[in-house]
Amino acid sequence: MTLVAKYALLPDEIDRQSLVMVSDSLAGSPALAGLDDSERYVLQRIVRAEGDPDIAPSVQFSPNAISAALDSLRQTRRVVTDVRMVQVGISRAALSRHNVDTACLIDAPEVAERARREGTTRSVAAVRELAPLINHSVVAIGNAPTALLALLDLIDAGQVAPAAVIGMPVGFVACPESKQELAARSIPHITILGRRGGSSAAAATINALLDLLRGKE
């Protein structure tokens, strides 16, 4: 018997079994306390993407974060991402089903030039370059803490007003701080406090929101 024959399943069955296993692993977890059904679903999708139930207590939802994100996906129909890894991790089929576009400029020549001109990182420059597309959009940050910090600076300056922020950069330098800064603001957000996160978690959150959007139509 091949390893594929022994272990592999079709996508729908993988999804079903994964969510059952995630649900079992979170049974009785204090991380579920106070969450509504939609928040629990998003949390399960994040845990599945990370393959680690221990991340659950670090996931934080601001009040009305999911409803704000769903309203944006229905009306503005745009997700702005910091890196291509988040962008390509979002289901093409789900985006097409709901006529939602994505925007990412991390590898654009104008971003590299702006970073050089302003003496900053490409992640910061990309967020600044995307500013005209951020208003009323869902913004998903899954890589550099500096991207989240740049977004918060724009929000604080009154230059942009996203509908919701998925703030899940990963790393050590300025990573926990960037998320604490996000959590201290009134902007609707979903984040993973501390050093953990990443593109897979950010993309999984958007995919979960698109699933919820389909269920409410």
N, C-alpha and C. Protein backbone atom coordinates (compact mmCIF):
# COMPACT_ATOMS: atom_id res chain seq x y z
N MET A 1 0.84 -1.20 0.00
CA MET A 1 0.00 0.00 0.00
C MET A 1 0.88 1.25 0.00
N THR A 2 0.56 2.21 -0.87
CA THR A 2 1.31 3.45 -0.91
C THR A 2 0.94 4.32 0.29
N LEU A 3 1.80 5.28 0.60
CA LEU A 3 1.50 6.20 1.70
C LEU A 3 0.28 7.05 1.39
N VAL A 4 0.10 7.41 0.12
CA VAL A 4 -1.09 8.17 -0.26
C VAL A 4 -2.34 7.34 0.00
N ALA A 5 -2.32 6.06 -0.41
CA ALA A 5 -3.47 5.20 -0.19
C ALA A 5 -3.74 4.98 1.30
N LYS A 6 -2.66 4.96 2.09
CA LYS A 6 -2.80 4.68 3.52
C LYS A 6 -3.33 5.87 4.30
N TYR A 7 -2.86 7.08 3.96
CA TYR A 7 -3.16 8.23 4.79
C TYR A 7 -4.01 9.32 4.13
N ALA A 8 -3.88 9.48 2.83
CA ALA A 8 -4.48 10.65 2.18
C ALA A 8 -5.99 10.52 2.05
N LEU A 9 -6.67 11.67 2.17
CA LEU A 9 -8.11 11.74 1.99
C LEU A 9 -8.42 12.83 0.97
N LEU A 10 -9.65 12.84 0.48
CA LEU A 10 -10.06 13.91 -0.41
C LEU A 10 -10.31 15.18 0.39
N PRO A 11 -10.24 16.34 -0.28
CA PRO A 11 -10.28 17.62 0.45
C PRO A 11 -11.47 17.79 1.39
N ASP A 12 -12.68 17.43 0.95
CA ASP A 12 -13.85 17.61 1.80
C ASP A 12 -13.76 16.78 3.07
N GLU A 13 -13.23 15.57 2.95
CA GLU A 13 -13.10 14.71 4.11
C GLU A 13 -11.98 15.19 5.04
N ILE A 14 -10.90 15.69 4.45
CA ILE A 14 -9.84 16.29 5.27
C ILE A 14 -10.40 17.44 6.08
N ASP A 15 -11.19 18.28 5.43
CA ASP A 15 -11.77 19.44 6.11
C ASP A 15 -12.69 18.99 7.24
N ARG A 16 -13.54 18.03 6.96
CA ARG A 16 -14.50 17.56 7.97
C ARG A 16 -13.78 16.96 9.16
N GLN A 17 -12.84 16.05 8.89
CA GLN A 17 -12.13 15.40 9.99
C GLN A 17 -11.28 16.39 10.77
N SER A 18 -10.68 17.34 10.08
CA SER A 18 -9.85 18.33 10.75
C SER A 18 -10.66 19.14 11.75
N LEU A 19 -11.84 19.59 11.32
CA LEU A 19 -12.65 20.42 12.22
C LEU A 19 -13.18 19.61 13.40
N VAL A 20 -13.46 18.32 13.19
CA VAL A 20 -13.86 17.46 14.30
C VAL A 20 -12.72 17.34 15.30
N MET A 21 -11.50 17.14 14.80
CA MET A 21 -10.34 17.00 15.67
C MET A 21 -10.04 18.30 16.41
N VAL A 22 -10.18 19.41 15.71
CA VAL A 22 -9.96 20.71 16.35
C VAL A 22 -11.01 20.94 17.44
N SER A 23 -12.27 20.65 17.13
CA SER A 23 -13.34 20.83 18.10
C SER A 23 -13.09 19.98 19.34
N ASP A 24 -12.66 18.74 19.13
CA ASP A 24 -12.36 17.85 20.26
C ASP A 24 -11.21 18.39 21.09
N SER A 25 -10.19 18.93 20.42
CA SER A 25 -9.01 19.42 21.13
C SER A 25 -9.31 20.67 21.95
N LEU A 26 -10.37 21.41 21.56
CA LEU A 26 -10.73 22.64 22.27
C LEU A 26 -11.86 22.43 23.28
N ALA A 27 -12.38 21.23 23.36
CA ALA A 27 -13.51 20.97 24.26
C ALA A 27 -13.14 21.36 25.69
N GLY A 28 -13.95 22.21 26.26
CA GLY A 28 -13.71 22.65 27.64
C GLY A 28 -12.65 23.71 27.79
N SER A 29 -12.09 24.20 26.69
CA SER A 29 -11.04 25.21 26.77
C SER A 29 -11.61 26.54 27.24
N PRO A 30 -10.94 27.20 28.18
CA PRO A 30 -11.38 28.55 28.59
C PRO A 30 -11.34 29.55 27.45
N ALA A 31 -10.57 29.24 26.39
CA ALA A 31 -10.47 30.16 25.25
C ALA A 31 -11.81 30.32 24.54
N LEU A 32 -12.73 29.35 24.73
CA LEU A 32 -14.04 29.43 24.09
C LEU A 32 -15.04 30.23 24.88
N ALA A 33 -14.72 30.50 26.14
CA ALA A 33 -15.67 31.18 27.01
C ALA A 33 -16.01 32.56 26.46
N GLY A 34 -17.29 32.84 26.36
CA GLY A 34 -17.74 34.15 25.92
C GLY A 34 -17.76 34.37 24.42
N LEU A 35 -17.30 33.39 23.64
CA LEU A 35 -17.31 33.54 22.19
C LEU A 35 -18.65 33.11 21.62
N ASP A 36 -19.12 33.83 20.60
CA ASP A 36 -20.33 33.38 19.92
C ASP A 36 -19.97 32.35 18.86
N ASP A 37 -20.98 31.83 18.16
CA ASP A 37 -20.73 30.74 17.21
C ASP A 37 -19.78 31.16 16.09
N SER A 38 -19.94 32.38 15.59
CA SER A 38 -19.08 32.84 14.50
C SER A 38 -17.63 32.97 14.97
N GLU A 39 -17.43 33.51 16.16
CA GLU A 39 -16.08 33.64 16.70
C GLU A 39 -15.45 32.27 16.93
N ARG A 40 -16.23 31.34 17.42
CA ARG A 40 -15.72 29.98 17.62
C ARG A 40 -15.30 29.35 16.29
N TYR A 41 -16.08 29.58 15.26
CA TYR A 41 -15.74 29.02 13.95
C TYR A 41 -14.43 29.59 13.44
N VAL A 42 -14.26 30.91 13.55
CA VAL A 42 -13.01 31.53 13.12
C VAL A 42 -11.84 31.00 13.94
N LEU A 43 -12.04 30.91 15.24
CA LEU A 43 -10.98 30.38 16.10
C LEU A 43 -10.59 28.96 15.69
N GLN A 44 -11.56 28.12 15.41
CA GLN A 44 -11.26 26.75 14.98
C GLN A 44 -10.45 26.74 13.69
N ARG A 45 -10.78 27.63 12.77
CA ARG A 45 -10.05 27.69 11.50
C ARG A 45 -8.60 28.15 11.72
N ILE A 46 -8.40 29.06 12.65
CA ILE A 46 -7.04 29.50 12.96
C ILE A 46 -6.25 28.35 13.59
N VAL A 47 -6.86 27.65 14.53
CA VAL A 47 -6.20 26.52 15.18
C VAL A 47 -5.86 25.45 14.15
N ARG A 48 -6.78 25.19 13.24
CA ARG A 48 -6.50 24.20 12.21
C ARG A 48 -5.32 24.63 11.34
N ALA A 49 -5.30 25.89 10.92
CA ALA A 49 -4.23 26.38 10.06
C ALA A 49 -2.87 26.30 10.75
N GLU A 50 -2.86 26.56 12.06
CA GLU A 50 -1.60 26.53 12.82
C GLU A 50 -1.26 25.13 13.32
N GLY A 51 -2.23 24.22 13.31
CA GLY A 51 -1.99 22.86 13.79
C GLY A 51 -1.68 22.81 15.28
N ASP A 52 -2.23 23.79 16.04
CA ASP A 52 -1.83 23.91 17.44
C ASP A 52 -2.95 24.50 18.28
N PRO A 53 -3.66 23.65 19.06
CA PRO A 53 -4.72 24.17 19.92
C PRO A 53 -4.22 25.13 20.98
N ASP A 54 -2.93 25.06 21.32
CA ASP A 54 -2.40 25.93 22.37
C ASP A 54 -2.40 27.40 21.97
N ILE A 55 -2.62 27.67 20.69
CA ILE A 55 -2.65 29.07 20.26
C ILE A 55 -3.99 29.73 20.60
N ALA A 56 -5.01 28.92 20.89
CA ALA A 56 -6.37 29.43 21.06
C ALA A 56 -6.49 30.55 22.10
N PRO A 57 -5.86 30.43 23.28
CA PRO A 57 -6.03 31.51 24.27
C PRO A 57 -5.45 32.85 23.83
N SER A 58 -4.57 32.84 22.83
CA SER A 58 -3.95 34.08 22.37
C SER A 58 -4.77 34.80 21.31
N VAL A 59 -5.80 34.13 20.77
CA VAL A 59 -6.64 34.74 19.74
C VAL A 59 -7.63 35.70 20.40
N GLN A 60 -7.68 36.91 19.93
CA GLN A 60 -8.54 37.94 20.52
C GLN A 60 -9.43 38.58 19.47
N PHE A 61 -10.71 38.67 19.80
CA PHE A 61 -11.71 39.34 18.95
C PHE A 61 -12.15 40.63 19.63
N SER A 62 -12.10 41.73 18.91
CA SER A 62 -12.70 42.95 19.45
C SER A 62 -14.21 42.86 19.27
N PRO A 63 -14.96 43.65 20.04
CA PRO A 63 -16.42 43.64 19.85
C PRO A 63 -16.79 43.97 18.40
N ASN A 64 -17.70 43.18 17.85
CA ASN A 64 -18.25 43.42 16.51
C ASN A 64 -17.22 43.27 15.39
N ALA A 65 -16.08 42.63 15.66
CA ALA A 65 -15.06 42.48 14.62
C ALA A 65 -15.59 41.67 13.44
N ILE A 66 -16.27 40.58 13.72
CA ILE A 66 -16.74 39.72 12.64
C ILE A 66 -17.86 40.40 11.85
N SER A 67 -18.78 41.03 12.53
CA SER A 67 -19.87 41.70 11.80
C SER A 67 -19.33 42.83 10.94
N ALA A 68 -18.34 43.57 11.44
CA ALA A 68 -17.74 44.66 10.65
C ALA A 68 -17.03 44.11 9.43
N ALA A 69 -16.31 43.00 9.61
CA ALA A 69 -15.60 42.40 8.48
C ALA A 69 -16.58 41.86 7.44
N LEU A 70 -17.65 41.21 7.90
CA LEU A 70 -18.63 40.66 6.96
C LEU A 70 -19.36 41.77 6.20
N ASP A 71 -19.68 42.85 6.88
CA ASP A 71 -20.31 43.98 6.19
C ASP A 71 -19.39 44.52 5.09
N SER A 72 -18.10 44.61 5.39
CA SER A 72 -17.14 45.09 4.39
C SER A 72 -17.04 44.13 3.21
N LEU A 73 -17.01 42.84 3.49
CA LEU A 73 -16.91 41.86 2.41
C LEU A 73 -18.16 41.90 1.52
N ARG A 74 -19.30 42.25 2.10
CA ARG A 74 -20.53 42.36 1.30
C ARG A 74 -20.55 43.64 0.47
N GLN A 75 -20.01 44.72 1.02
CA GLN A 75 -20.20 46.04 0.40
C GLN A 75 -18.96 46.54 -0.33
N THR A 76 -17.84 46.63 0.36
CA THR A 76 -16.61 47.12 -0.27
C THR A 76 -15.98 46.03 -1.13
N ARG A 77 -16.08 44.79 -0.68
CA ARG A 77 -15.62 43.62 -1.44
C ARG A 77 -14.13 43.70 -1.77
N ARG A 78 -13.34 44.05 -0.73
CA ARG A 78 -11.89 44.11 -0.96
C ARG A 78 -11.15 43.68 0.31
N VAL A 79 -10.13 42.85 0.10
CA VAL A 79 -9.21 42.47 1.17
C VAL A 79 -7.82 42.96 0.78
N VAL A 80 -7.23 43.77 1.64
CA VAL A 80 -5.88 44.28 1.42
C VAL A 80 -4.92 43.45 2.26
N THR A 81 -3.86 42.93 1.65
CA THR A 81 -2.92 42.09 2.38
C THR A 81 -1.53 42.68 2.34
N ASP A 82 -0.74 42.31 3.36
CA ASP A 82 0.63 42.84 3.42
C ASP A 82 1.59 42.08 2.52
N VAL A 83 1.36 40.78 2.34
CA VAL A 83 2.29 39.96 1.55
C VAL A 83 1.51 39.01 0.64
N ARG A 84 2.22 38.52 -0.38
CA ARG A 84 1.59 37.58 -1.32
C ARG A 84 1.18 36.28 -0.63
N MET A 85 1.92 35.86 0.39
CA MET A 85 1.59 34.60 1.07
C MET A 85 0.20 34.63 1.66
N VAL A 86 -0.21 35.78 2.18
CA VAL A 86 -1.59 35.91 2.66
C VAL A 86 -2.54 35.92 1.48
N GLN A 87 -2.21 36.70 0.48
CA GLN A 87 -3.09 36.86 -0.68
C GLN A 87 -3.37 35.51 -1.35
N VAL A 88 -2.33 34.71 -1.60
CA VAL A 88 -2.53 33.45 -2.31
C VAL A 88 -3.15 32.38 -1.42
N GLY A 89 -3.11 32.60 -0.09
CA GLY A 89 -3.73 31.63 0.81
C GLY A 89 -5.23 31.77 0.92
N ILE A 90 -5.76 32.85 0.39
CA ILE A 90 -7.21 33.07 0.43
C ILE A 90 -7.85 32.32 -0.74
N SER A 91 -8.90 31.60 -0.46
CA SER A 91 -9.56 30.77 -1.46
C SER A 91 -10.01 31.57 -2.67
N ARG A 92 -9.47 31.22 -3.83
CA ARG A 92 -9.89 31.88 -5.07
C ARG A 92 -11.36 31.64 -5.35
N ALA A 93 -11.81 30.42 -5.06
CA ALA A 93 -13.21 30.09 -5.33
C ALA A 93 -14.14 30.92 -4.46
N ALA A 94 -13.79 31.08 -3.18
CA ALA A 94 -14.62 31.87 -2.27
C ALA A 94 -14.62 33.34 -2.66
N LEU A 95 -13.47 33.86 -3.04
CA LEU A 95 -13.39 35.26 -3.48
C LEU A 95 -14.27 35.47 -4.70
N SER A 96 -14.17 34.56 -5.66
CA SER A 96 -14.97 34.67 -6.88
C SER A 96 -16.46 34.57 -6.58
N ARG A 97 -16.81 33.68 -5.68
CA ARG A 97 -18.22 33.46 -5.33
C ARG A 97 -18.85 34.74 -4.80
N HIS A 98 -18.07 35.51 -4.04
CA HIS A 98 -18.62 36.72 -3.42
C HIS A 98 -18.17 38.00 -4.11
N ASN A 99 -17.48 37.85 -5.26
CA ASN A 99 -16.99 39.02 -6.01
C ASN A 99 -16.11 39.94 -5.15
N VAL A 100 -15.23 39.30 -4.38
CA VAL A 100 -14.31 40.04 -3.52
C VAL A 100 -12.93 40.08 -4.19
N ASP A 101 -12.32 41.26 -4.23
CA ASP A 101 -10.98 41.42 -4.79
C ASP A 101 -9.94 41.44 -3.67
N THR A 102 -8.69 41.18 -4.04
CA THR A 102 -7.59 41.34 -3.10
C THR A 102 -6.57 42.31 -3.68
N ALA A 103 -5.83 42.96 -2.80
CA ALA A 103 -4.79 43.89 -3.23
C ALA A 103 -3.54 43.69 -2.39
N CYS A 104 -2.40 43.61 -3.06
CA CYS A 104 -1.10 43.47 -2.39
C CYS A 104 -0.05 44.09 -3.30
N LEU A 105 0.86 44.88 -2.70
CA LEU A 105 1.87 45.58 -3.51
C LEU A 105 3.29 45.33 -3.02
N ILE A 106 3.49 44.31 -2.20
CA ILE A 106 4.79 44.12 -1.55
C ILE A 106 5.94 44.01 -2.54
N ASP A 107 5.68 43.45 -3.72
CA ASP A 107 6.76 43.25 -4.69
C ASP A 107 6.68 44.23 -5.87
N ALA A 108 5.88 45.28 -5.73
CA ALA A 108 5.74 46.26 -6.81
C ALA A 108 6.97 47.16 -6.87
N PRO A 109 7.43 47.52 -8.08
CA PRO A 109 8.60 48.39 -8.21
C PRO A 109 8.44 49.71 -7.48
N GLU A 110 7.25 50.28 -7.50
CA GLU A 110 7.04 51.57 -6.85
C GLU A 110 7.19 51.47 -5.33
N VAL A 111 6.91 50.28 -4.79
CA VAL A 111 7.08 50.08 -3.35
C VAL A 111 8.56 50.02 -3.00
N ALA A 112 9.33 49.30 -3.81
CA ALA A 112 10.78 49.24 -3.57
C ALA A 112 11.39 50.64 -3.65
N GLU A 113 10.93 51.43 -4.61
CA GLU A 113 11.44 52.79 -4.76
C GLU A 113 11.02 53.66 -3.57
N ARG A 114 9.81 53.50 -3.12
CA ARG A 114 9.35 54.29 -1.97
C ARG A 114 10.12 53.91 -0.72
N ALA A 115 10.37 52.63 -0.52
CA ALA A 115 11.14 52.20 0.64
C ALA A 115 12.53 52.80 0.62
N ARG A 116 13.16 52.83 -0.56
CA ARG A 116 14.49 53.41 -0.68
C ARG A 116 14.44 54.91 -0.40
N ARG A 117 13.44 55.57 -0.97
CA ARG A 117 13.33 57.02 -0.84
C ARG A 117 13.05 57.45 0.60
N GLU A 118 12.22 56.67 1.29
CA GLU A 118 11.82 57.04 2.65
C GLU A 118 12.70 56.39 3.71
N GLY A 119 13.64 55.55 3.29
CA GLY A 119 14.53 54.91 4.24
C GLY A 119 13.82 53.97 5.19
N THR A 120 12.90 53.18 4.65
CA THR A 120 12.11 52.28 5.48
C THR A 120 12.07 50.90 4.83
N THR A 121 11.26 50.00 5.38
CA THR A 121 11.15 48.64 4.85
C THR A 121 10.11 48.59 3.75
N ARG A 122 10.18 47.55 2.93
CA ARG A 122 9.17 47.37 1.89
C ARG A 122 7.79 47.13 2.50
N SER A 123 7.76 46.48 3.66
CA SER A 123 6.47 46.23 4.31
C SER A 123 5.78 47.53 4.68
N VAL A 124 6.55 48.46 5.23
CA VAL A 124 5.99 49.77 5.58
C VAL A 124 5.58 50.52 4.31
N ALA A 125 6.48 50.53 3.33
CA ALA A 125 6.20 51.25 2.09
C ALA A 125 4.97 50.68 1.38
N ALA A 126 4.80 49.36 1.42
CA ALA A 126 3.66 48.73 0.75
C ALA A 126 2.35 49.17 1.39
N VAL A 127 2.30 49.22 2.72
CA VAL A 127 1.09 49.66 3.40
C VAL A 127 0.79 51.11 3.05
N ARG A 128 1.81 51.95 3.04
CA ARG A 128 1.60 53.36 2.69
C ARG A 128 1.12 53.50 1.25
N GLU A 129 1.66 52.69 0.37
CA GLU A 129 1.26 52.75 -1.04
C GLU A 129 -0.18 52.27 -1.23
N LEU A 130 -0.62 51.38 -0.37
CA LEU A 130 -1.97 50.82 -0.47
C LEU A 130 -3.02 51.71 0.18
N ALA A 131 -2.61 52.80 0.81
CA ALA A 131 -3.54 53.65 1.56
C ALA A 131 -4.83 54.00 0.80
N PRO A 132 -4.77 54.32 -0.51
CA PRO A 132 -6.01 54.67 -1.21
C PRO A 132 -7.03 53.53 -1.29
N LEU A 133 -6.59 52.30 -1.03
CA LEU A 133 -7.50 51.15 -1.12
C LEU A 133 -7.98 50.66 0.24
N ILE A 134 -7.49 51.25 1.31
CA ILE A 134 -7.73 50.69 2.65
C ILE A 134 -9.08 51.10 3.22
N ASN A 135 -9.56 52.28 2.93
CA ASN A 135 -10.82 52.73 3.52
C ASN A 135 -11.94 51.73 3.29
N HIS A 136 -12.59 51.33 4.40
CA HIS A 136 -13.76 50.44 4.38
C HIS A 136 -13.42 49.00 3.95
N SER A 137 -12.14 48.70 3.74
CA SER A 137 -11.72 47.35 3.37
C SER A 137 -11.33 46.54 4.61
N VAL A 138 -11.25 45.23 4.45
CA VAL A 138 -10.63 44.37 5.45
C VAL A 138 -9.14 44.31 5.15
N VAL A 139 -8.32 44.58 6.15
CA VAL A 139 -6.87 44.54 5.98
C VAL A 139 -6.33 43.35 6.76
N ALA A 140 -5.58 42.48 6.07
CA ALA A 140 -5.03 41.28 6.69
C ALA A 140 -3.50 41.35 6.69
N ILE A 141 -2.92 41.44 7.89
CA ILE A 141 -1.48 41.51 8.06
C ILE A 141 -1.01 40.19 8.64
N GLY A 142 -0.18 39.45 7.89
CA GLY A 142 0.24 38.13 8.34
C GLY A 142 1.74 37.90 8.30
N ASN A 143 2.51 38.97 8.17
CA ASN A 143 3.96 38.76 8.07
C ASN A 143 4.75 39.70 8.97
N ALA A 144 4.96 40.93 8.53
CA ALA A 144 5.87 41.83 9.24
C ALA A 144 5.14 42.70 10.27
N PRO A 145 5.62 42.73 11.52
CA PRO A 145 5.05 43.66 12.50
C PRO A 145 5.10 45.10 12.03
N THR A 146 6.14 45.46 11.26
CA THR A 146 6.24 46.84 10.79
C THR A 146 5.08 47.22 9.89
N ALA A 147 4.52 46.25 9.17
CA ALA A 147 3.34 46.54 8.33
C ALA A 147 2.16 46.92 9.21
N LEU A 148 1.96 46.20 10.30
CA LEU A 148 0.86 46.52 11.21
C LEU A 148 1.09 47.87 11.88
N LEU A 149 2.33 48.14 12.28
CA LEU A 149 2.63 49.44 12.88
C LEU A 149 2.39 50.57 11.90
N ALA A 150 2.77 50.39 10.64
CA ALA A 150 2.55 51.42 9.61
C ALA A 150 1.06 51.65 9.40
N LEU A 151 0.27 50.57 9.41
CA LEU A 151 -1.18 50.70 9.26
C LEU A 151 -1.76 51.48 10.43
N LEU A 152 -1.33 51.16 11.65
CA LEU A 152 -1.85 51.86 12.83
C LEU A 152 -1.47 53.34 12.81
N ASP A 153 -0.26 53.65 12.32
CA ASP A 153 0.13 55.06 12.18
C ASP A 153 -0.81 55.80 11.24
N LEU A 154 -1.16 55.16 10.12
CA LEU A 154 -2.08 55.78 9.17
C LEU A 154 -3.46 55.98 9.79
N ILE A 155 -3.90 54.99 10.56
CA ILE A 155 -5.20 55.10 11.23
C ILE A 155 -5.16 56.24 12.24
N ASP A 156 -4.09 56.29 13.05
CA ASP A 156 -3.98 57.32 14.07
C ASP A 156 -3.94 58.72 13.45
N ALA A 157 -3.34 58.82 12.27
CA ALA A 157 -3.24 60.11 11.59
C ALA A 157 -4.52 60.49 10.86
N GLY A 158 -5.52 59.61 10.88
CA GLY A 158 -6.78 59.89 10.21
C GLY A 158 -6.69 59.78 8.70
N GLN A 159 -5.65 59.09 8.20
CA GLN A 159 -5.46 58.98 6.76
C GLN A 159 -6.20 57.79 6.16
N VAL A 160 -6.46 56.77 6.96
CA VAL A 160 -7.20 55.61 6.48
C VAL A 160 -8.17 55.15 7.56
N ALA A 161 -9.21 54.43 7.12
CA ALA A 161 -10.21 53.91 8.06
C ALA A 161 -10.67 52.54 7.56
N PRO A 162 -9.89 51.50 7.85
CA PRO A 162 -10.31 50.16 7.43
C PRO A 162 -11.56 49.72 8.18
N ALA A 163 -12.31 48.81 7.56
CA ALA A 163 -13.50 48.28 8.24
C ALA A 163 -13.11 47.36 9.37
N ALA A 164 -12.06 46.57 9.16
CA ALA A 164 -11.58 45.63 10.18
C ALA A 164 -10.14 45.27 9.86
N VAL A 165 -9.39 44.95 10.89
CA VAL A 165 -7.98 44.57 10.74
C VAL A 165 -7.78 43.16 11.27
N ILE A 166 -7.21 42.32 10.42
CA ILE A 166 -6.76 40.99 10.84
C ILE A 166 -5.27 41.14 11.11
N GLY A 167 -4.90 41.34 12.37
CA GLY A 167 -3.52 41.66 12.71
C GLY A 167 -2.78 40.47 13.27
N MET A 168 -2.08 39.74 12.40
CA MET A 168 -1.43 38.50 12.81
C MET A 168 0.00 38.37 12.30
N PRO A 169 0.81 39.43 12.43
CA PRO A 169 2.22 39.27 12.07
C PRO A 169 2.89 38.27 13.00
N VAL A 170 4.06 37.80 12.61
CA VAL A 170 4.76 36.79 13.40
C VAL A 170 6.20 37.25 13.61
N GLY A 171 6.80 36.90 14.73
CA GLY A 171 8.19 37.25 14.94
C GLY A 171 8.50 37.68 16.36
N PHE A 172 9.69 38.24 16.53
CA PHE A 172 10.17 38.63 17.84
C PHE A 172 10.21 40.15 17.99
N VAL A 173 10.92 40.83 17.09
CA VAL A 173 11.12 42.27 17.23
C VAL A 173 9.83 43.02 16.90
N ALA A 174 9.32 43.73 17.88
CA ALA A 174 8.14 44.58 17.75
C ALA A 174 6.85 43.81 17.44
N CYS A 175 6.89 42.51 17.45
CA CYS A 175 5.68 41.74 17.10
C CYS A 175 4.63 41.79 18.21
N PRO A 176 4.97 41.39 19.44
CA PRO A 176 3.94 41.51 20.49
C PRO A 176 3.47 42.95 20.67
N GLU A 177 4.41 43.89 20.54
CA GLU A 177 4.05 45.29 20.72
C GLU A 177 3.06 45.78 19.67
N SER A 178 3.26 45.35 18.42
CA SER A 178 2.35 45.78 17.36
C SER A 178 0.92 45.31 17.62
N LYS A 179 0.79 44.09 18.16
CA LYS A 179 -0.54 43.56 18.42
C LYS A 179 -1.17 44.21 19.65
N GLN A 180 -0.35 44.52 20.64
CA GLN A 180 -0.87 45.23 21.80
C GLN A 180 -1.37 46.61 21.39
N GLU A 181 -0.66 47.25 20.48
CA GLU A 181 -1.10 48.55 19.98
C GLU A 181 -2.43 48.42 19.25
N LEU A 182 -2.57 47.37 18.44
CA LEU A 182 -3.84 47.13 17.75
C LEU A 182 -4.96 46.90 18.76
N ALA A 183 -4.69 46.07 19.77
CA ALA A 183 -5.71 45.73 20.76
C ALA A 183 -6.14 46.94 21.58
N ALA A 184 -5.29 47.94 21.66
CA ALA A 184 -5.60 49.14 22.44
C ALA A 184 -6.48 50.12 21.69
N ARG A 185 -6.74 49.84 20.43
CA ARG A 185 -7.52 50.76 19.60
C ARG A 185 -8.94 50.23 19.38
N SER A 186 -9.82 51.15 19.02
CA SER A 186 -11.24 50.79 18.88
C SER A 186 -11.57 50.19 17.53
N ILE A 187 -10.61 50.20 16.60
CA ILE A 187 -10.86 49.64 15.27
C ILE A 187 -11.22 48.15 15.40
N PRO A 188 -12.28 47.68 14.74
CA PRO A 188 -12.60 46.26 14.82
C PRO A 188 -11.42 45.41 14.37
N HIS A 189 -11.09 44.37 15.15
CA HIS A 189 -9.90 43.58 14.82
C HIS A 189 -10.00 42.17 15.36
N ILE A 190 -9.22 41.31 14.71
CA ILE A 190 -8.96 39.96 15.21
C ILE A 190 -7.45 39.81 15.22
N THR A 191 -6.88 39.38 16.35
CA THR A 191 -5.44 39.28 16.43
C THR A 191 -5.03 38.04 17.21
N ILE A 192 -3.74 37.73 17.15
CA ILE A 192 -3.14 36.66 17.96
C ILE A 192 -2.06 37.33 18.79
N LEU A 193 -2.33 37.53 20.06
CA LEU A 193 -1.40 38.25 20.91
C LEU A 193 -0.09 37.47 21.06
N GLY A 194 0.99 38.21 21.26
CA GLY A 194 2.29 37.57 21.42
C GLY A 194 3.06 37.47 20.12
N ARG A 195 3.98 36.53 20.07
CA ARG A 195 4.89 36.40 18.93
C ARG A 195 4.33 35.55 17.80
N ARG A 196 3.28 34.80 18.05
CA ARG A 196 2.81 33.84 17.07
C ARG A 196 1.81 34.48 16.11
N GLY A 197 1.61 33.80 15.00
CA GLY A 197 0.72 34.28 13.95
C GLY A 197 1.23 33.79 12.62
N GLY A 198 1.18 34.62 11.60
CA GLY A 198 1.73 34.26 10.31
C GLY A 198 0.70 34.29 9.20
N SER A 199 1.20 34.12 7.99
CA SER A 199 0.36 34.21 6.80
C SER A 199 -0.75 33.16 6.79
N SER A 200 -0.43 31.95 7.25
CA SER A 200 -1.45 30.89 7.24
C SER A 200 -2.61 31.25 8.15
N ALA A 201 -2.32 31.84 9.31
CA ALA A 201 -3.39 32.22 10.24
C ALA A 201 -4.22 33.37 9.68
N ALA A 202 -3.56 34.35 9.07
CA ALA A 202 -4.29 35.48 8.50
C ALA A 202 -5.18 35.04 7.35
N ALA A 203 -4.64 34.20 6.46
CA ALA A 203 -5.43 33.70 5.33
C ALA A 203 -6.58 32.82 5.83
N ALA A 204 -6.32 32.00 6.83
CA ALA A 204 -7.37 31.14 7.37
C ALA A 204 -8.51 31.96 7.96
N THR A 205 -8.17 33.09 8.57
CA THR A 205 -9.20 33.97 9.13
C THR A 205 -10.08 34.55 8.03
N ILE A 206 -9.46 35.00 6.95
CA ILE A 206 -10.25 35.52 5.83
C ILE A 206 -11.11 34.41 5.22
N ASN A 207 -10.55 33.23 5.06
CA ASN A 207 -11.33 32.12 4.50
C ASN A 207 -12.52 31.78 5.40
N ALA A 208 -12.30 31.83 6.71
CA ALA A 208 -13.40 31.57 7.64
C ALA A 208 -14.48 32.64 7.51
N LEU A 209 -14.08 33.89 7.36
CA LEU A 209 -15.05 34.97 7.18
C LEU A 209 -15.84 34.79 5.89
N LEU A 210 -15.16 34.37 4.84
CA LEU A 210 -15.86 34.11 3.57
C LEU A 210 -16.84 32.95 3.72
N ASP A 211 -16.48 31.95 4.50
CA ASP A 211 -17.40 30.84 4.80
C ASP A 211 -18.64 31.37 5.53
N LEU A 212 -18.40 32.22 6.54
CA LEU A 212 -19.53 32.78 7.29
C LEU A 212 -20.41 33.64 6.42
N LEU A 213 -19.78 34.36 5.50
CA LEU A 213 -20.54 35.21 4.59
C LEU A 213 -21.47 34.36 3.72
N ARG A 214 -20.97 33.25 3.27
CA ARG A 214 -21.79 32.35 2.45
C ARG A 214 -22.96 31.80 3.26
N GLY A 215 -22.69 31.47 4.53
CA GLY A 215 -23.74 30.92 5.38
C GLY A 215 -24.84 31.90 5.70
N LYS A 216 -24.55 33.20 5.59
CA LYS A 216 -25.54 34.22 5.93
C LYS A 216 -26.28 34.74 4.71
N GLU A 217 -25.95 34.20 3.54
CA GLU A 217 -26.61 34.69 2.32
C GLU A 217 -27.84 33.84 1.99
